[in-house]
Amino acid sequence: MPATCIHCGRPLTAVDGSELRAVDVRSKGVEARQCERFRRLLIFGTPAAAVIAVGMPLLHLGAVAMAPLWAVLHLLVIRFYLTSGTFQLLPPVRRRFNRWLGRFTLLWIGVPGYAAMATPAAGILAGAATFAVLTALIHHYALWSLHRERAREPLAAWEKALLAVLGVATVAALILVTALAALLGWSLAALLGWLRAGTG
């Protein structure tokens, strides 16, 4: 018969007989708190994103330039408010996967979604939907990871493949943007030199 706690009567070993970890004892409470915070974020954050989107078309191109800022702010809210308790229960490797997949998700979905807020009328829906969808994706992935860790299951193959694909795609996109910026700078410099030579 497994040993039990003299105070609460809970078993001191996991189902498979191994020693209990913090995730085995605290995960239910942490999950409940995260679910409650998730509901609050949807209730208050989604309308807030829609309200912000109302004024974004007034900034014209500035609205597009602010998209990375909104994505970073969203990431900070998720990291320090929504998933902070869950991350404390995950081991380092699984925690890193959660963080990087969350960052890549905000980069590839959040930045274009928040940039779309520059569109009059439709931008309101884009801003609200981007906030809700990204928050839901990261919330559910964090809880799924918590369940996997509690069940002592390893990282899934799709997690590793997705992180690798997003990492390679991000590096390739950065190289492309850098090359296009360099080409544009060279073209403008050549055009200005040609105009000066023509007027000289």
N, C-alpha and C. Protein backbone atom coordinates (compact mmCIF):
# COMPACT_ATOMS: atom_id res chain seq x y z
N MET A 1 0.85 -1.19 0.00
CA MET A 1 0.00 0.00 0.00
C MET A 1 0.89 1.25 0.00
N PRO A 2 0.61 2.23 -0.92
CA PRO A 2 1.47 3.40 -1.00
C PRO A 2 1.37 4.27 0.25
N ALA A 3 2.49 4.93 0.58
CA ALA A 3 2.50 5.81 1.75
C ALA A 3 1.62 7.02 1.48
N THR A 4 0.98 7.51 2.55
CA THR A 4 0.10 8.67 2.42
C THR A 4 0.52 9.77 3.39
N CYS A 5 0.11 10.99 3.07
CA CYS A 5 0.41 12.12 3.94
C CYS A 5 -0.41 12.01 5.22
N ILE A 6 0.23 12.24 6.35
CA ILE A 6 -0.47 12.09 7.63
C ILE A 6 -1.46 13.25 7.85
N HIS A 7 -1.33 14.34 7.07
CA HIS A 7 -2.20 15.49 7.26
C HIS A 7 -3.42 15.46 6.34
N CYS A 8 -3.20 15.16 5.06
CA CYS A 8 -4.32 15.22 4.11
C CYS A 8 -4.74 13.85 3.57
N GLY A 9 -3.92 12.83 3.80
CA GLY A 9 -4.26 11.49 3.35
C GLY A 9 -3.95 11.22 1.89
N ARG A 10 -3.33 12.18 1.19
CA ARG A 10 -3.00 11.96 -0.22
C ARG A 10 -1.79 11.03 -0.32
N PRO A 11 -1.73 10.24 -1.39
CA PRO A 11 -0.55 9.37 -1.57
C PRO A 11 0.70 10.20 -1.81
N LEU A 12 1.84 9.69 -1.33
CA LEU A 12 3.11 10.39 -1.49
C LEU A 12 3.88 9.94 -2.72
N THR A 13 3.31 9.07 -3.49
CA THR A 13 3.93 8.61 -4.72
C THR A 13 2.93 8.77 -5.87
N ALA A 14 3.46 8.88 -7.08
CA ALA A 14 2.61 9.00 -8.26
C ALA A 14 1.99 7.65 -8.60
N VAL A 15 1.13 7.65 -9.61
CA VAL A 15 0.44 6.41 -10.00
C VAL A 15 1.43 5.34 -10.40
N ASP A 16 2.53 5.73 -11.06
CA ASP A 16 3.52 4.74 -11.50
C ASP A 16 4.52 4.38 -10.40
N GLY A 17 4.31 4.88 -9.20
CA GLY A 17 5.19 4.54 -8.08
C GLY A 17 6.36 5.47 -7.90
N SER A 18 6.56 6.43 -8.81
CA SER A 18 7.69 7.35 -8.71
C SER A 18 7.39 8.44 -7.69
N GLU A 19 8.44 9.16 -7.30
CA GLU A 19 8.29 10.21 -6.30
C GLU A 19 7.46 11.37 -6.85
N LEU A 20 6.62 11.94 -6.01
CA LEU A 20 5.80 13.07 -6.42
C LEU A 20 6.66 14.30 -6.68
N ARG A 21 6.23 15.08 -7.66
CA ARG A 21 6.89 16.34 -7.99
C ARG A 21 5.90 17.47 -7.76
N ALA A 22 6.39 18.70 -7.86
CA ALA A 22 5.52 19.86 -7.66
C ALA A 22 4.37 19.85 -8.65
N VAL A 23 4.65 19.43 -9.90
CA VAL A 23 3.61 19.42 -10.92
C VAL A 23 2.50 18.43 -10.58
N ASP A 24 2.85 17.34 -9.89
CA ASP A 24 1.84 16.35 -9.52
C ASP A 24 0.89 16.88 -8.44
N VAL A 25 1.41 17.73 -7.58
CA VAL A 25 0.64 18.21 -6.43
C VAL A 25 -0.10 19.51 -6.75
N ARG A 26 0.56 20.42 -7.50
CA ARG A 26 0.03 21.77 -7.65
C ARG A 26 -0.65 22.03 -8.99
N SER A 27 -0.59 21.11 -9.94
CA SER A 27 -1.04 21.41 -11.30
C SER A 27 -2.54 21.72 -11.38
N LYS A 28 -3.35 21.05 -10.58
CA LYS A 28 -4.80 21.30 -10.65
C LYS A 28 -5.13 22.73 -10.25
N GLY A 29 -4.52 23.19 -9.15
CA GLY A 29 -4.77 24.56 -8.71
C GLY A 29 -4.25 25.59 -9.69
N VAL A 30 -3.06 25.35 -10.24
CA VAL A 30 -2.46 26.26 -11.22
C VAL A 30 -3.31 26.30 -12.48
N GLU A 31 -3.79 25.15 -12.90
CA GLU A 31 -4.65 25.09 -14.10
C GLU A 31 -5.93 25.89 -13.89
N ALA A 32 -6.54 25.75 -12.72
CA ALA A 32 -7.78 26.49 -12.43
C ALA A 32 -7.54 27.99 -12.45
N ARG A 33 -6.41 28.43 -11.87
CA ARG A 33 -6.10 29.86 -11.86
C ARG A 33 -5.85 30.38 -13.27
N GLN A 34 -5.14 29.59 -14.07
CA GLN A 34 -4.88 30.04 -15.44
C GLN A 34 -6.18 30.12 -16.24
N CYS A 35 -7.06 29.17 -16.06
CA CYS A 35 -8.34 29.21 -16.78
C CYS A 35 -9.16 30.44 -16.40
N GLU A 36 -9.13 30.80 -15.12
CA GLU A 36 -9.84 31.99 -14.66
C GLU A 36 -9.22 33.24 -15.26
N ARG A 37 -7.89 33.31 -15.29
CA ARG A 37 -7.22 34.46 -15.88
C ARG A 37 -7.45 34.53 -17.38
N PHE A 38 -7.53 33.39 -18.02
CA PHE A 38 -7.82 33.34 -19.45
C PHE A 38 -9.19 33.94 -19.74
N ARG A 39 -10.18 33.58 -18.94
CA ARG A 39 -11.52 34.14 -19.12
C ARG A 39 -11.51 35.66 -18.93
N ARG A 40 -10.76 36.13 -17.93
CA ARG A 40 -10.69 37.58 -17.71
C ARG A 40 -10.03 38.29 -18.89
N LEU A 41 -8.98 37.68 -19.42
CA LEU A 41 -8.30 38.30 -20.56
C LEU A 41 -9.23 38.40 -21.76
N LEU A 42 -10.02 37.36 -22.00
CA LEU A 42 -10.95 37.40 -23.13
C LEU A 42 -12.04 38.45 -22.89
N ILE A 43 -12.54 38.52 -21.66
CA ILE A 43 -13.63 39.44 -21.35
C ILE A 43 -13.18 40.90 -21.46
N PHE A 44 -11.98 41.20 -20.93
CA PHE A 44 -11.52 42.59 -20.90
C PHE A 44 -10.53 42.91 -22.03
N GLY A 45 -9.68 41.97 -22.39
CA GLY A 45 -8.65 42.24 -23.38
C GLY A 45 -9.17 42.34 -24.80
N THR A 46 -10.12 41.49 -25.16
CA THR A 46 -10.64 41.51 -26.53
C THR A 46 -11.35 42.82 -26.85
N PRO A 47 -12.25 43.30 -25.98
CA PRO A 47 -12.84 44.63 -26.26
C PRO A 47 -11.79 45.75 -26.26
N ALA A 48 -10.78 45.64 -25.38
CA ALA A 48 -9.73 46.67 -25.34
C ALA A 48 -8.99 46.72 -26.66
N ALA A 49 -8.69 45.54 -27.24
CA ALA A 49 -8.02 45.50 -28.54
C ALA A 49 -8.89 46.12 -29.62
N ALA A 50 -10.20 45.89 -29.54
CA ALA A 50 -11.12 46.47 -30.52
C ALA A 50 -11.16 47.99 -30.40
N VAL A 51 -11.16 48.49 -29.16
CA VAL A 51 -11.18 49.94 -28.94
C VAL A 51 -9.90 50.59 -29.47
N ILE A 52 -8.77 49.96 -29.22
CA ILE A 52 -7.49 50.48 -29.74
C ILE A 52 -7.52 50.50 -31.26
N ALA A 53 -8.10 49.45 -31.85
CA ALA A 53 -8.14 49.36 -33.31
C ALA A 53 -8.98 50.47 -33.94
N VAL A 54 -9.94 51.03 -33.18
CA VAL A 54 -10.77 52.10 -33.73
C VAL A 54 -9.91 53.30 -34.12
N GLY A 55 -8.92 53.64 -33.30
CA GLY A 55 -8.09 54.80 -33.58
C GLY A 55 -6.87 54.54 -34.44
N MET A 56 -6.55 53.27 -34.69
CA MET A 56 -5.32 52.96 -35.43
C MET A 56 -5.30 53.49 -36.86
N PRO A 57 -6.42 53.48 -37.62
CA PRO A 57 -6.35 54.01 -39.00
C PRO A 57 -5.94 55.47 -39.07
N LEU A 58 -6.13 56.21 -37.98
CA LEU A 58 -5.74 57.62 -37.97
C LEU A 58 -4.23 57.80 -38.04
N LEU A 59 -3.49 56.74 -37.67
CA LEU A 59 -2.02 56.81 -37.69
C LEU A 59 -1.44 56.44 -39.04
N HIS A 60 -2.27 55.95 -39.95
CA HIS A 60 -1.85 55.55 -41.29
C HIS A 60 -0.71 54.51 -41.21
N LEU A 61 0.44 54.81 -41.81
CA LEU A 61 1.55 53.85 -41.80
C LEU A 61 2.10 53.64 -40.39
N GLY A 62 1.89 54.61 -39.52
CA GLY A 62 2.34 54.46 -38.13
C GLY A 62 1.64 53.31 -37.44
N ALA A 63 0.41 53.00 -37.85
CA ALA A 63 -0.33 51.89 -37.26
C ALA A 63 0.35 50.57 -37.58
N VAL A 64 0.84 50.45 -38.81
CA VAL A 64 1.55 49.23 -39.21
C VAL A 64 2.86 49.12 -38.45
N ALA A 65 3.54 50.25 -38.28
CA ALA A 65 4.82 50.25 -37.56
C ALA A 65 4.65 49.88 -36.10
N MET A 66 3.47 50.15 -35.54
CA MET A 66 3.22 49.85 -34.13
C MET A 66 2.84 48.39 -33.89
N ALA A 67 2.61 47.64 -34.94
CA ALA A 67 2.19 46.24 -34.79
C ALA A 67 3.16 45.41 -33.94
N PRO A 68 4.49 45.52 -34.15
CA PRO A 68 5.40 44.76 -33.28
C PRO A 68 5.29 45.16 -31.81
N LEU A 69 5.01 46.44 -31.56
CA LEU A 69 4.85 46.89 -30.17
C LEU A 69 3.65 46.22 -29.52
N TRP A 70 2.52 46.17 -30.24
CA TRP A 70 1.33 45.50 -29.69
C TRP A 70 1.61 44.03 -29.44
N ALA A 71 2.35 43.39 -30.35
CA ALA A 71 2.67 41.97 -30.18
C ALA A 71 3.54 41.75 -28.94
N VAL A 72 4.52 42.64 -28.73
CA VAL A 72 5.39 42.52 -27.55
C VAL A 72 4.60 42.73 -26.27
N LEU A 73 3.72 43.74 -26.24
CA LEU A 73 2.88 43.98 -25.07
C LEU A 73 1.98 42.79 -24.78
N HIS A 74 1.43 42.21 -25.84
CA HIS A 74 0.58 41.02 -25.69
C HIS A 74 1.39 39.86 -25.11
N LEU A 75 2.62 39.69 -25.60
CA LEU A 75 3.49 38.63 -25.10
C LEU A 75 3.79 38.82 -23.61
N LEU A 76 4.03 40.05 -23.19
CA LEU A 76 4.33 40.33 -21.79
C LEU A 76 3.12 40.03 -20.89
N VAL A 77 1.94 40.39 -21.36
CA VAL A 77 0.72 40.10 -20.59
C VAL A 77 0.55 38.60 -20.42
N ILE A 78 0.74 37.86 -21.51
CA ILE A 78 0.59 36.40 -21.45
C ILE A 78 1.66 35.80 -20.55
N ARG A 79 2.88 36.26 -20.70
CA ARG A 79 3.99 35.66 -19.95
C ARG A 79 3.88 35.90 -18.45
N PHE A 80 3.58 37.14 -18.06
CA PHE A 80 3.62 37.47 -16.63
C PHE A 80 2.26 37.38 -15.94
N TYR A 81 1.18 37.34 -16.70
CA TYR A 81 -0.13 37.25 -16.07
C TYR A 81 -0.78 35.89 -16.29
N LEU A 82 -0.81 35.43 -17.54
CA LEU A 82 -1.57 34.21 -17.85
C LEU A 82 -0.82 32.93 -17.51
N THR A 83 0.40 32.78 -18.00
CA THR A 83 1.08 31.48 -17.92
C THR A 83 2.20 31.41 -16.89
N SER A 84 2.37 32.44 -16.08
CA SER A 84 3.50 32.46 -15.15
C SER A 84 3.48 31.26 -14.18
N GLY A 85 2.32 30.95 -13.63
CA GLY A 85 2.23 29.82 -12.69
C GLY A 85 2.48 28.49 -13.36
N THR A 86 1.98 28.33 -14.57
CA THR A 86 2.17 27.08 -15.31
C THR A 86 3.63 26.86 -15.65
N PHE A 87 4.30 27.92 -16.09
CA PHE A 87 5.71 27.79 -16.47
C PHE A 87 6.59 27.37 -15.29
N GLN A 88 6.21 27.77 -14.10
CA GLN A 88 7.00 27.39 -12.92
C GLN A 88 6.98 25.89 -12.68
N LEU A 89 5.96 25.21 -13.15
CA LEU A 89 5.83 23.76 -12.94
C LEU A 89 6.44 22.95 -14.08
N LEU A 90 6.79 23.60 -15.17
CA LEU A 90 7.35 22.88 -16.32
C LEU A 90 8.87 22.79 -16.19
N PRO A 91 9.45 21.68 -16.62
CA PRO A 91 10.92 21.58 -16.61
C PRO A 91 11.52 22.51 -17.65
N PRO A 92 12.82 22.80 -17.56
CA PRO A 92 13.45 23.79 -18.45
C PRO A 92 13.22 23.57 -19.94
N VAL A 93 13.33 22.33 -20.41
CA VAL A 93 13.20 22.09 -21.85
C VAL A 93 11.79 22.38 -22.32
N ARG A 94 10.80 21.87 -21.62
CA ARG A 94 9.41 22.10 -22.02
C ARG A 94 9.04 23.58 -21.87
N ARG A 95 9.61 24.25 -20.87
CA ARG A 95 9.36 25.68 -20.69
C ARG A 95 9.92 26.47 -21.87
N ARG A 96 11.12 26.10 -22.32
CA ARG A 96 11.71 26.79 -23.48
C ARG A 96 10.86 26.59 -24.73
N PHE A 97 10.35 25.39 -24.92
CA PHE A 97 9.49 25.14 -26.08
C PHE A 97 8.25 26.02 -26.02
N ASN A 98 7.64 26.12 -24.84
CA ASN A 98 6.46 26.96 -24.69
C ASN A 98 6.78 28.41 -24.99
N ARG A 99 7.89 28.89 -24.47
CA ARG A 99 8.24 30.29 -24.68
C ARG A 99 8.52 30.60 -26.15
N TRP A 100 9.32 29.74 -26.79
CA TRP A 100 9.69 30.02 -28.18
C TRP A 100 8.53 29.82 -29.14
N LEU A 101 7.70 28.80 -28.90
CA LEU A 101 6.53 28.64 -29.77
C LEU A 101 5.56 29.80 -29.58
N GLY A 102 5.46 30.30 -28.35
CA GLY A 102 4.63 31.48 -28.11
C GLY A 102 5.18 32.71 -28.82
N ARG A 103 6.49 32.89 -28.77
CA ARG A 103 7.11 34.04 -29.45
C ARG A 103 6.91 33.96 -30.96
N PHE A 104 7.14 32.78 -31.51
CA PHE A 104 6.98 32.63 -32.96
C PHE A 104 5.52 32.81 -33.38
N THR A 105 4.60 32.33 -32.54
CA THR A 105 3.18 32.50 -32.85
C THR A 105 2.81 33.98 -32.88
N LEU A 106 3.30 34.73 -31.90
CA LEU A 106 3.03 36.16 -31.87
C LEU A 106 3.70 36.88 -33.04
N LEU A 107 4.86 36.39 -33.46
CA LEU A 107 5.56 37.01 -34.58
C LEU A 107 4.81 36.78 -35.89
N TRP A 108 4.41 35.53 -36.14
CA TRP A 108 3.83 35.17 -37.43
C TRP A 108 2.33 35.44 -37.54
N ILE A 109 1.65 35.45 -36.40
CA ILE A 109 0.20 35.74 -36.42
C ILE A 109 -0.09 37.11 -35.82
N GLY A 110 0.58 37.41 -34.70
CA GLY A 110 0.30 38.66 -34.00
C GLY A 110 0.68 39.90 -34.77
N VAL A 111 1.89 39.94 -35.32
CA VAL A 111 2.34 41.15 -36.02
C VAL A 111 1.46 41.44 -37.25
N PRO A 112 1.20 40.45 -38.14
CA PRO A 112 0.29 40.75 -39.27
C PRO A 112 -1.12 41.10 -38.80
N GLY A 113 -1.60 40.40 -37.75
CA GLY A 113 -2.94 40.66 -37.27
C GLY A 113 -3.09 42.05 -36.70
N TYR A 114 -2.10 42.48 -35.89
CA TYR A 114 -2.17 43.82 -35.33
C TYR A 114 -1.89 44.89 -36.38
N ALA A 115 -1.09 44.57 -37.40
CA ALA A 115 -0.86 45.52 -38.50
C ALA A 115 -2.16 45.75 -39.27
N ALA A 116 -3.01 44.73 -39.33
CA ALA A 116 -4.29 44.85 -40.03
C ALA A 116 -5.23 45.82 -39.35
N MET A 117 -4.92 46.23 -38.11
CA MET A 117 -5.77 47.21 -37.42
C MET A 117 -5.72 48.56 -38.11
N ALA A 118 -4.75 48.77 -39.00
CA ALA A 118 -4.67 50.03 -39.75
C ALA A 118 -5.79 50.15 -40.77
N THR A 119 -6.47 49.04 -41.07
CA THR A 119 -7.57 49.05 -42.03
C THR A 119 -8.83 49.59 -41.37
N PRO A 120 -9.45 50.61 -41.92
CA PRO A 120 -10.68 51.14 -41.32
C PRO A 120 -11.77 50.07 -41.21
N ALA A 121 -12.50 50.08 -40.14
CA ALA A 121 -13.64 49.17 -39.87
C ALA A 121 -13.19 47.72 -39.71
N ALA A 122 -12.66 47.13 -40.77
CA ALA A 122 -12.24 45.73 -40.69
C ALA A 122 -11.12 45.54 -39.67
N GLY A 123 -10.34 46.59 -39.43
CA GLY A 123 -9.25 46.51 -38.46
C GLY A 123 -9.72 46.26 -37.05
N ILE A 124 -10.95 46.68 -36.74
CA ILE A 124 -11.50 46.44 -35.40
C ILE A 124 -11.67 44.94 -35.17
N LEU A 125 -12.24 44.27 -36.17
CA LEU A 125 -12.40 42.82 -36.08
C LEU A 125 -11.04 42.13 -36.06
N ALA A 126 -10.10 42.63 -36.86
CA ALA A 126 -8.77 42.02 -36.92
C ALA A 126 -8.06 42.12 -35.58
N GLY A 127 -8.13 43.28 -34.94
CA GLY A 127 -7.47 43.45 -33.64
C GLY A 127 -8.06 42.57 -32.57
N ALA A 128 -9.40 42.54 -32.49
CA ALA A 128 -10.07 41.72 -31.47
C ALA A 128 -9.81 40.24 -31.71
N ALA A 129 -9.91 39.81 -32.97
CA ALA A 129 -9.70 38.40 -33.29
C ALA A 129 -8.25 37.98 -33.03
N THR A 130 -7.30 38.85 -33.37
CA THR A 130 -5.89 38.53 -33.13
C THR A 130 -5.63 38.33 -31.65
N PHE A 131 -6.14 39.24 -30.82
CA PHE A 131 -5.94 39.11 -29.38
C PHE A 131 -6.55 37.82 -28.85
N ALA A 132 -7.78 37.54 -29.24
CA ALA A 132 -8.49 36.37 -28.72
C ALA A 132 -7.84 35.07 -29.19
N VAL A 133 -7.53 34.99 -30.47
CA VAL A 133 -6.97 33.74 -31.03
C VAL A 133 -5.59 33.46 -30.45
N LEU A 134 -4.72 34.46 -30.39
CA LEU A 134 -3.37 34.25 -29.85
C LEU A 134 -3.41 33.87 -28.38
N THR A 135 -4.24 34.55 -27.61
CA THR A 135 -4.35 34.23 -26.19
C THR A 135 -4.84 32.80 -26.01
N ALA A 136 -5.83 32.40 -26.81
CA ALA A 136 -6.38 31.04 -26.70
C ALA A 136 -5.35 29.98 -27.09
N LEU A 137 -4.61 30.23 -28.16
CA LEU A 137 -3.60 29.27 -28.62
C LEU A 137 -2.54 29.03 -27.54
N ILE A 138 -2.00 30.11 -27.00
CA ILE A 138 -0.93 29.97 -26.01
C ILE A 138 -1.46 29.39 -24.70
N HIS A 139 -2.66 29.78 -24.32
CA HIS A 139 -3.29 29.24 -23.11
C HIS A 139 -3.46 27.72 -23.21
N HIS A 140 -4.06 27.27 -24.30
CA HIS A 140 -4.33 25.83 -24.43
C HIS A 140 -3.05 25.02 -24.60
N TYR A 141 -2.06 25.59 -25.29
CA TYR A 141 -0.80 24.86 -25.43
C TYR A 141 -0.08 24.73 -24.09
N ALA A 142 -0.12 25.78 -23.28
CA ALA A 142 0.51 25.72 -21.95
C ALA A 142 -0.17 24.66 -21.07
N LEU A 143 -1.50 24.61 -21.10
CA LEU A 143 -2.20 23.61 -20.29
C LEU A 143 -1.97 22.20 -20.83
N TRP A 144 -1.92 22.07 -22.15
CA TRP A 144 -1.63 20.76 -22.75
C TRP A 144 -0.24 20.28 -22.32
N SER A 145 0.72 21.20 -22.31
CA SER A 145 2.08 20.87 -21.87
C SER A 145 2.09 20.47 -20.40
N LEU A 146 1.28 21.14 -19.60
CA LEU A 146 1.19 20.80 -18.17
C LEU A 146 0.63 19.40 -17.98
N HIS A 147 -0.38 19.06 -18.75
CA HIS A 147 -0.95 17.70 -18.67
C HIS A 147 0.07 16.66 -19.10
N ARG A 148 0.80 16.96 -20.17
CA ARG A 148 1.83 16.02 -20.64
C ARG A 148 2.91 15.82 -19.58
N GLU A 149 3.30 16.91 -18.93
CA GLU A 149 4.34 16.81 -17.91
C GLU A 149 3.85 16.02 -16.71
N ARG A 150 2.61 16.24 -16.31
CA ARG A 150 2.06 15.51 -15.18
C ARG A 150 1.96 14.01 -15.49
N ALA A 151 1.68 13.70 -16.76
CA ALA A 151 1.60 12.29 -17.19
C ALA A 151 2.97 11.71 -17.51
N ARG A 152 4.03 12.51 -17.33
CA ARG A 152 5.41 12.08 -17.59
C ARG A 152 5.60 11.66 -19.05
N GLU A 153 4.97 12.38 -19.95
CA GLU A 153 5.10 12.11 -21.38
C GLU A 153 6.11 13.09 -21.98
N PRO A 154 6.92 12.64 -22.92
CA PRO A 154 7.97 13.51 -23.50
C PRO A 154 7.37 14.52 -24.48
N LEU A 155 8.22 15.40 -24.97
CA LEU A 155 7.80 16.34 -26.00
C LEU A 155 7.31 15.58 -27.22
N ALA A 156 6.23 16.06 -27.82
CA ALA A 156 5.69 15.40 -29.01
C ALA A 156 6.56 15.74 -30.23
N ALA A 157 6.52 14.84 -31.21
CA ALA A 157 7.32 15.06 -32.42
C ALA A 157 6.88 16.33 -33.14
N TRP A 158 5.58 16.62 -33.14
CA TRP A 158 5.11 17.81 -33.85
C TRP A 158 5.61 19.09 -33.18
N GLU A 159 5.82 19.08 -31.88
CA GLU A 159 6.35 20.26 -31.21
C GLU A 159 7.75 20.58 -31.71
N LYS A 160 8.58 19.54 -31.78
CA LYS A 160 9.95 19.73 -32.25
C LYS A 160 9.98 20.18 -33.70
N ALA A 161 9.14 19.54 -34.53
CA ALA A 161 9.11 19.89 -35.96
C ALA A 161 8.61 21.31 -36.16
N LEU A 162 7.56 21.70 -35.43
CA LEU A 162 7.00 23.04 -35.59
C LEU A 162 8.00 24.11 -35.16
N LEU A 163 8.69 23.87 -34.04
CA LEU A 163 9.68 24.84 -33.58
C LEU A 163 10.81 24.99 -34.59
N ALA A 164 11.26 23.87 -35.16
CA ALA A 164 12.33 23.91 -36.16
C ALA A 164 11.88 24.67 -37.41
N VAL A 165 10.68 24.39 -37.89
CA VAL A 165 10.17 25.05 -39.10
C VAL A 165 10.02 26.54 -38.88
N LEU A 166 9.43 26.92 -37.74
CA LEU A 166 9.24 28.35 -37.45
C LEU A 166 10.58 29.06 -37.26
N GLY A 167 11.55 28.37 -36.64
CA GLY A 167 12.86 28.97 -36.46
C GLY A 167 13.55 29.23 -37.80
N VAL A 168 13.53 28.24 -38.67
CA VAL A 168 14.15 28.39 -40.00
C VAL A 168 13.43 29.47 -40.81
N ALA A 169 12.09 29.46 -40.75
CA ALA A 169 11.31 30.45 -41.49
C ALA A 169 11.60 31.86 -40.99
N THR A 170 11.77 32.02 -39.69
CA THR A 170 12.04 33.34 -39.13
C THR A 170 13.41 33.84 -39.56
N VAL A 171 14.41 32.97 -39.51
CA VAL A 171 15.75 33.37 -39.96
C VAL A 171 15.74 33.73 -41.44
N ALA A 172 15.05 32.92 -42.25
CA ALA A 172 14.97 33.20 -43.69
C ALA A 172 14.27 34.53 -43.94
N ALA A 173 13.19 34.81 -43.18
CA ALA A 173 12.47 36.07 -43.35
C ALA A 173 13.35 37.26 -42.97
N LEU A 174 14.13 37.13 -41.90
CA LEU A 174 15.03 38.21 -41.49
C LEU A 174 16.09 38.48 -42.55
N ILE A 175 16.64 37.40 -43.13
CA ILE A 175 17.65 37.56 -44.19
C ILE A 175 17.03 38.26 -45.40
N LEU A 176 15.81 37.85 -45.75
CA LEU A 176 15.13 38.46 -46.91
C LEU A 176 14.85 39.93 -46.67
N VAL A 177 14.34 40.27 -45.49
CA VAL A 177 14.04 41.67 -45.17
C VAL A 177 15.32 42.51 -45.19
N THR A 178 16.40 41.96 -44.63
CA THR A 178 17.67 42.67 -44.62
C THR A 178 18.18 42.91 -46.04
N ALA A 179 18.07 41.87 -46.88
CA ALA A 179 18.52 42.00 -48.27
C ALA A 179 17.69 43.02 -49.03
N LEU A 180 16.36 43.00 -48.83
CA LEU A 180 15.50 43.96 -49.51
C LEU A 180 15.78 45.39 -49.05
N ALA A 181 16.03 45.55 -47.73
CA ALA A 181 16.36 46.88 -47.20
C ALA A 181 17.67 47.39 -47.79
N ALA A 182 18.66 46.50 -47.91
CA ALA A 182 19.95 46.89 -48.49
C ALA A 182 19.79 47.25 -49.97
N LEU A 183 18.98 46.46 -50.68
CA LEU A 183 18.73 46.74 -52.10
C LEU A 183 18.01 48.06 -52.29
N LEU A 184 17.03 48.33 -51.41
CA LEU A 184 16.31 49.59 -51.50
C LEU A 184 17.24 50.77 -51.23
N GLY A 185 18.09 50.62 -50.21
CA GLY A 185 19.04 51.70 -49.89
C GLY A 185 20.01 51.95 -51.04
N TRP A 186 20.49 50.86 -51.64
CA TRP A 186 21.42 51.01 -52.77
C TRP A 186 20.72 51.65 -53.96
N SER A 187 19.46 51.27 -54.20
CA SER A 187 18.71 51.84 -55.33
C SER A 187 18.46 53.32 -55.14
N LEU A 188 18.09 53.72 -53.91
CA LEU A 188 17.86 55.14 -53.65
C LEU A 188 19.15 55.95 -53.79
N ALA A 189 20.25 55.38 -53.29
CA ALA A 189 21.54 56.07 -53.42
C ALA A 189 21.92 56.22 -54.89
N ALA A 190 21.70 55.18 -55.69
CA ALA A 190 22.03 55.25 -57.12
C ALA A 190 21.14 56.26 -57.84
N LEU A 191 19.84 56.28 -57.43
CA LEU A 191 18.90 57.23 -58.07
C LEU A 191 19.29 58.68 -57.75
N LEU A 192 19.64 58.93 -56.48
CA LEU A 192 20.04 60.29 -56.10
C LEU A 192 21.33 60.69 -56.82
N GLY A 193 22.27 59.75 -56.97
CA GLY A 193 23.50 60.05 -57.69
C GLY A 193 23.22 60.35 -59.15
N TRP A 194 22.28 59.63 -59.75
CA TRP A 194 21.94 59.85 -61.15
C TRP A 194 21.28 61.20 -61.33
N LEU A 195 20.38 61.55 -60.34
CA LEU A 195 19.70 62.87 -60.44
C LEU A 195 20.69 64.01 -60.28
N ARG A 196 21.63 63.86 -59.37
CA ARG A 196 22.64 64.91 -59.19
C ARG A 196 23.50 65.07 -60.44
N ALA A 197 23.85 63.93 -61.02
CA ALA A 197 24.68 63.99 -62.24
C ALA A 197 23.91 64.62 -63.39
N GLY A 198 22.59 64.39 -63.43
CA GLY A 198 21.79 64.95 -64.51
C GLY A 198 21.56 66.44 -64.36
N THR A 199 21.54 66.93 -63.14
CA THR A 199 21.33 68.37 -62.91
C THR A 199 22.62 69.14 -62.80
N GLY A 200 23.77 68.43 -62.77
CA GLY A 200 25.05 69.10 -62.58
C GLY A 200 25.60 69.73 -63.84
